[in-house]
């Protein structure tokens, strides 16, 4: 089962995530990553999509391992796996709780950004401290 992730999201595969081949469409996984990334920012960095300061995705690397199907129970995990000067990596895993196996994993490179000034910024110290504190606590799960 999934472990080592401070933020977990549990849900069931919705009909709208299924494609003509009757399994989860590849783009659904990316939407799931975006959802948990935004939740991570809201919970940890206390920043949401409407903030003046936030982050942009610079790179996405994602590996599909197994098919997922309609109504499977899923857990997606998210964690900061690297922090640099102006960027950090978020690592993800997608697990089928129904079949108890990992279905996919990936990493996004996230760049700290000032939306008003339209430029990259150094990762704020309060973000670094918030990540360390969140990682040290018990995992949080949302549905």
C-alpha atoms as a PDB file:
ATOM      1  CA  UNK A   1       0.000   0.000   0.000  1.00  0.00           C
ATOM      2  CA  UNK A   2       1.022   3.592  -0.424  1.00  0.00           C
ATOM      3  CA  UNK A   3       3.353   4.990   2.248  1.00  0.00           C
ATOM      4  CA  UNK A   4       5.706   7.898   2.833  1.00  0.00           C
ATOM      5  CA  UNK A   5       3.319  10.563   1.558  1.00  0.00           C
ATOM      6  CA  UNK A   6       2.123  13.278   3.957  1.00  0.00           C
ATOM      7  CA  UNK A   7      -0.972  14.075   1.870  1.00  0.00           C
ATOM      8  CA  UNK A   8      -3.344  11.413   0.569  1.00  0.00           C
ATOM      9  CA  UNK A   9      -6.537  11.678  -1.462  1.00  0.00           C
ATOM     10  CA  UNK A  10      -9.067   8.837  -1.497  1.00  0.00           C
ATOM     11  CA  UNK A  11     -11.774   8.601  -4.147  1.00  0.00           C
ATOM     12  CA  UNK A  12     -13.513   6.229  -6.523  1.00  0.00           C
ATOM     13  CA  UNK A  13     -12.935   6.376 -10.279  1.00  0.00           C
ATOM     14  CA  UNK A  14     -15.798   8.334 -11.802  1.00  0.00           C
ATOM     15  CA  UNK A  15     -17.548   7.477 -15.050  1.00  0.00           C
ATOM     16  CA  UNK A  16     -16.253  10.714 -16.601  1.00  0.00           C
ATOM     17  CA  UNK A  17     -12.645   9.464 -16.199  1.00  0.00           C
ATOM     18  CA  UNK A  18     -13.264   6.414 -18.421  1.00  0.00           C
ATOM     19  CA  UNK A  19     -12.453   6.370 -22.137  1.00  0.00           C
ATOM     20  CA  UNK A  20     -13.654   4.316 -25.121  1.00  0.00           C
ATOM     21  CA  UNK A  21     -11.352   1.430 -24.164  1.00  0.00           C
ATOM     22  CA  UNK A  22     -13.231   1.209 -20.830  1.00  0.00           C
ATOM     23  CA  UNK A  23     -10.343   2.154 -18.571  1.00  0.00           C
ATOM     24  CA  UNK A  24      -9.179   5.442 -17.025  1.00  0.00           C
ATOM     25  CA  UNK A  25      -8.085   7.873 -19.703  1.00  0.00           C
ATOM     26  CA  UNK A  26      -4.463   9.018 -19.382  1.00  0.00           C
ATOM     27  CA  UNK A  27      -5.410  12.674 -18.920  1.00  0.00           C
ATOM     28  CA  UNK A  28      -7.521  11.821 -15.843  1.00  0.00           C
ATOM     29  CA  UNK A  29      -4.352  10.921 -13.944  1.00  0.00           C
ATOM     30  CA  UNK A  30      -2.904  14.351 -14.694  1.00  0.00           C
ATOM     31  CA  UNK A  31      -6.109  16.038 -13.467  1.00  0.00           C
ATOM     32  CA  UNK A  32      -5.779  14.007 -10.272  1.00  0.00           C
ATOM     33  CA  UNK A  33      -2.199  15.276  -9.811  1.00  0.00           C
ATOM     34  CA  UNK A  34      -3.339  18.851 -10.334  1.00  0.00           C
ATOM     35  CA  UNK A  35      -6.098  18.396  -7.757  1.00  0.00           C
ATOM     36  CA  UNK A  36      -3.805  17.062  -5.045  1.00  0.00           C
ATOM     37  CA  UNK A  37      -1.125  19.648  -5.909  1.00  0.00           C
ATOM     38  CA  UNK A  38      -3.630  22.462  -5.348  1.00  0.00           C
ATOM     39  CA  UNK A  39      -4.774  20.824  -2.114  1.00  0.00           C
ATOM     40  CA  UNK A  40      -1.149  20.551  -0.971  1.00  0.00           C
ATOM     41  CA  UNK A  41      -0.630  24.259  -1.625  1.00  0.00           C
ATOM     42  CA  UNK A  42      -3.815  25.190   0.212  1.00  0.00           C
ATOM     43  CA  UNK A  43      -2.997  23.055   3.263  1.00  0.00           C
ATOM     44  CA  UNK A  44       0.776  23.413   3.511  1.00  0.00           C
ATOM     45  CA  UNK A  45       1.775  26.723   1.947  1.00  0.00           C
ATOM     46  CA  UNK A  46      -1.554  28.344   2.901  1.00  0.00           C
ATOM     47  CA  UNK A  47      -1.782  29.542  -0.682  1.00  0.00           C
ATOM     48  CA  UNK A  48      -4.552  28.909  -3.155  1.00  0.00           C
ATOM     49  CA  UNK A  49      -5.030  29.517  -6.839  1.00  0.00           C
ATOM     50  CA  UNK A  50      -6.140  33.132  -6.267  1.00  0.00           C
ATOM     51  CA  UNK A  51      -2.978  34.189  -4.392  1.00  0.00           C
ATOM     52  CA  UNK A  52      -0.515  36.780  -5.725  1.00  0.00           C
ATOM     53  CA  UNK A  53       2.317  34.392  -4.991  1.00  0.00           C
ATOM     54  CA  UNK A  54       2.227  30.755  -5.954  1.00  0.00           C
ATOM     55  CA  UNK A  55       3.738  28.253  -8.303  1.00  0.00           C
ATOM     56  CA  UNK A  56       3.698  27.151 -11.902  1.00  0.00           C
ATOM     57  CA  UNK A  57       4.421  23.714 -13.324  1.00  0.00           C
ATOM     58  CA  UNK A  58       7.630  23.732 -15.355  1.00  0.00           C
ATOM     59  CA  UNK A  59       7.896  20.016 -16.078  1.00  0.00           C
ATOM     60  CA  UNK A  60       5.771  16.893 -15.752  1.00  0.00           C
ATOM     61  CA  UNK A  61       7.147  13.358 -15.884  1.00  0.00           C
ATOM     62  CA  UNK A  62       4.574  10.617 -15.449  1.00  0.00           C
ATOM     63  CA  UNK A  63       4.716   6.834 -15.800  1.00  0.00           C
ATOM     64  CA  UNK A  64       1.640   4.669 -16.263  1.00  0.00           C
ATOM     65  CA  UNK A  65       2.079   1.169 -14.839  1.00  0.00           C
ATOM     66  CA  UNK A  66      -1.348  -0.477 -14.704  1.00  0.00           C
ATOM     67  CA  UNK A  67      -4.843   0.195 -15.977  1.00  0.00           C
ATOM     68  CA  UNK A  68      -7.513   1.509 -13.663  1.00  0.00           C
ATOM     69  CA  UNK A  69     -11.209   0.938 -14.205  1.00  0.00           C
ATOM     70  CA  UNK A  70     -14.568   2.443 -13.378  1.00  0.00           C
ATOM     71  CA  UNK A  71     -15.432   2.474  -9.650  1.00  0.00           C
ATOM     72  CA  UNK A  72     -11.985   1.324  -8.455  1.00  0.00           C
ATOM     73  CA  UNK A  73     -11.004   2.754  -5.074  1.00  0.00           C
ATOM     74  CA  UNK A  74      -7.970   5.011  -5.577  1.00  0.00           C
ATOM     75  CA  UNK A  75      -5.459   6.769  -3.342  1.00  0.00           C
ATOM     76  CA  UNK A  76      -3.168   9.459  -4.698  1.00  0.00           C
ATOM     77  CA  UNK A  77      -0.199  10.514  -2.576  1.00  0.00           C
ATOM     78  CA  UNK A  78       1.765  13.761  -2.839  1.00  0.00           C
ATOM     79  CA  UNK A  79       5.020  14.943  -1.243  1.00  0.00           C
ATOM     80  CA  UNK A  80       7.840  17.403  -1.792  1.00  0.00           C
ATOM     81  CA  UNK A  81      10.820  15.302  -2.850  1.00  0.00           C
ATOM     82  CA  UNK A  82      13.321  18.112  -3.557  1.00  0.00           C
ATOM     83  CA  UNK A  83      13.603  21.791  -2.697  1.00  0.00           C
ATOM     84  CA  UNK A  84      15.972  24.032  -4.623  1.00  0.00           C
ATOM     85  CA  UNK A  85      16.386  27.819  -4.785  1.00  0.00           C
ATOM     86  CA  UNK A  86      13.411  28.748  -6.997  1.00  0.00           C
ATOM     87  CA  UNK A  87      11.918  25.335  -7.700  1.00  0.00           C
ATOM     88  CA  UNK A  88      10.907  22.147  -5.968  1.00  0.00           C
ATOM     89  CA  UNK A  89       9.703  18.724  -7.012  1.00  0.00           C
ATOM     90  CA  UNK A  90       6.387  17.187  -6.060  1.00  0.00           C
ATOM     91  CA  UNK A  91       6.342  13.397  -6.255  1.00  0.00           C
ATOM     92  CA  UNK A  92       3.099  11.459  -6.706  1.00  0.00           C
ATOM     93  CA  UNK A  93       1.886   7.893  -6.606  1.00  0.00           C
ATOM     94  CA  UNK A  94      -1.488   6.595  -7.750  1.00  0.00           C
ATOM     95  CA  UNK A  95      -2.622   3.396  -6.029  1.00  0.00           C
ATOM     96  CA  UNK A  96      -5.557   1.078  -6.547  1.00  0.00           C
ATOM     97  CA  UNK A  97      -6.926   0.205  -3.125  1.00  0.00           C
ATOM     98  CA  UNK A  98      -9.210  -2.262  -4.896  1.00  0.00           C
ATOM     99  CA  UNK A  99      -6.266  -4.331  -6.195  1.00  0.00           C
ATOM    100  CA  UNK A 100      -3.566  -3.156  -3.745  1.00  0.00           C
ATOM    101  CA  UNK A 101      -1.020  -2.103  -6.342  1.00  0.00           C
ATOM    102  CA  UNK A 102       0.597   1.036  -7.658  1.00  0.00           C
ATOM    103  CA  UNK A 103      -0.924   2.103 -10.965  1.00  0.00           C
ATOM    104  CA  UNK A 104       1.257   5.113 -11.785  1.00  0.00           C
ATOM    105  CA  UNK A 105       3.819   7.549 -10.435  1.00  0.00           C
ATOM    106  CA  UNK A 106       5.310  10.869 -11.427  1.00  0.00           C
ATOM    107  CA  UNK A 107       7.066  14.086 -10.575  1.00  0.00           C
ATOM    108  CA  UNK A 108       6.312  17.704 -11.368  1.00  0.00           C
ATOM    109  CA  UNK A 109       8.933  20.434 -11.191  1.00  0.00           C
ATOM    110  CA  UNK A 110       7.261  23.431  -9.605  1.00  0.00           C
ATOM    111  CA  UNK A 111       8.642  26.976  -9.866  1.00  0.00           C
ATOM    112  CA  UNK A 112       7.825  29.616  -7.235  1.00  0.00           C
ATOM    113  CA  UNK A 113       6.192  32.559  -8.982  1.00  0.00           C
ATOM    114  CA  UNK A 114       4.996  36.092  -8.307  1.00  0.00           C
ATOM    115  CA  UNK A 115       1.869  36.514 -10.424  1.00  0.00           C
ATOM    116  CA  UNK A 116       1.690  40.296  -9.966  1.00  0.00           C
ATOM    117  CA  UNK A 117       5.300  40.890 -11.032  1.00  0.00           C
ATOM    118  CA  UNK A 118       5.150  38.009 -13.544  1.00  0.00           C
ATOM    119  CA  UNK A 119       8.502  36.548 -12.549  1.00  0.00           C
ATOM    120  CA  UNK A 120      10.012  33.648 -10.693  1.00  0.00           C
ATOM    121  CA  UNK A 121      10.914  34.140  -7.054  1.00  0.00           C
ATOM    122  CA  UNK A 122      13.107  32.450  -4.477  1.00  0.00           C
ATOM    123  CA  UNK A 123      11.103  29.902  -2.519  1.00  0.00           C
ATOM    124  CA  UNK A 124       9.931  31.756   0.602  1.00  0.00           C
ATOM    125  CA  UNK A 125      11.345  30.593   3.928  1.00  0.00           C
ATOM    126  CA  UNK A 126       7.810  30.176   5.274  1.00  0.00           C
ATOM    127  CA  UNK A 127       7.111  27.616   2.518  1.00  0.00           C
ATOM    128  CA  UNK A 128      10.259  25.667   3.401  1.00  0.00           C
ATOM    129  CA  UNK A 129       9.289  25.691   7.080  1.00  0.00           C
ATOM    130  CA  UNK A 130       5.703  24.681   6.291  1.00  0.00           C
ATOM    131  CA  UNK A 131       6.860  21.731   4.172  1.00  0.00           C
ATOM    132  CA  UNK A 132       9.214  20.521   6.921  1.00  0.00           C
ATOM    133  CA  UNK A 133       6.483  20.806   9.562  1.00  0.00           C
ATOM    134  CA  UNK A 134       3.883  19.073   7.378  1.00  0.00           C
ATOM    135  CA  UNK A 135       6.260  16.227   6.508  1.00  0.00           C
ATOM    136  CA  UNK A 136       7.050  15.699  10.212  1.00  0.00           C
ATOM    137  CA  UNK A 137       3.386  15.282  11.135  1.00  0.00           C
ATOM    138  CA  UNK A 138       1.011  12.389  10.561  1.00  0.00           C
ATOM    139  CA  UNK A 139      -0.329  11.849   7.030  1.00  0.00           C
ATOM    140  CA  UNK A 140      -3.482  13.801   6.200  1.00  0.00           C
ATOM    141  CA  UNK A 141      -6.185  12.259   4.047  1.00  0.00           C
ATOM    142  CA  UNK A 142      -9.038  13.966   2.221  1.00  0.00           C
ATOM    143  CA  UNK A 143     -11.882  12.583   0.135  1.00  0.00           C
END
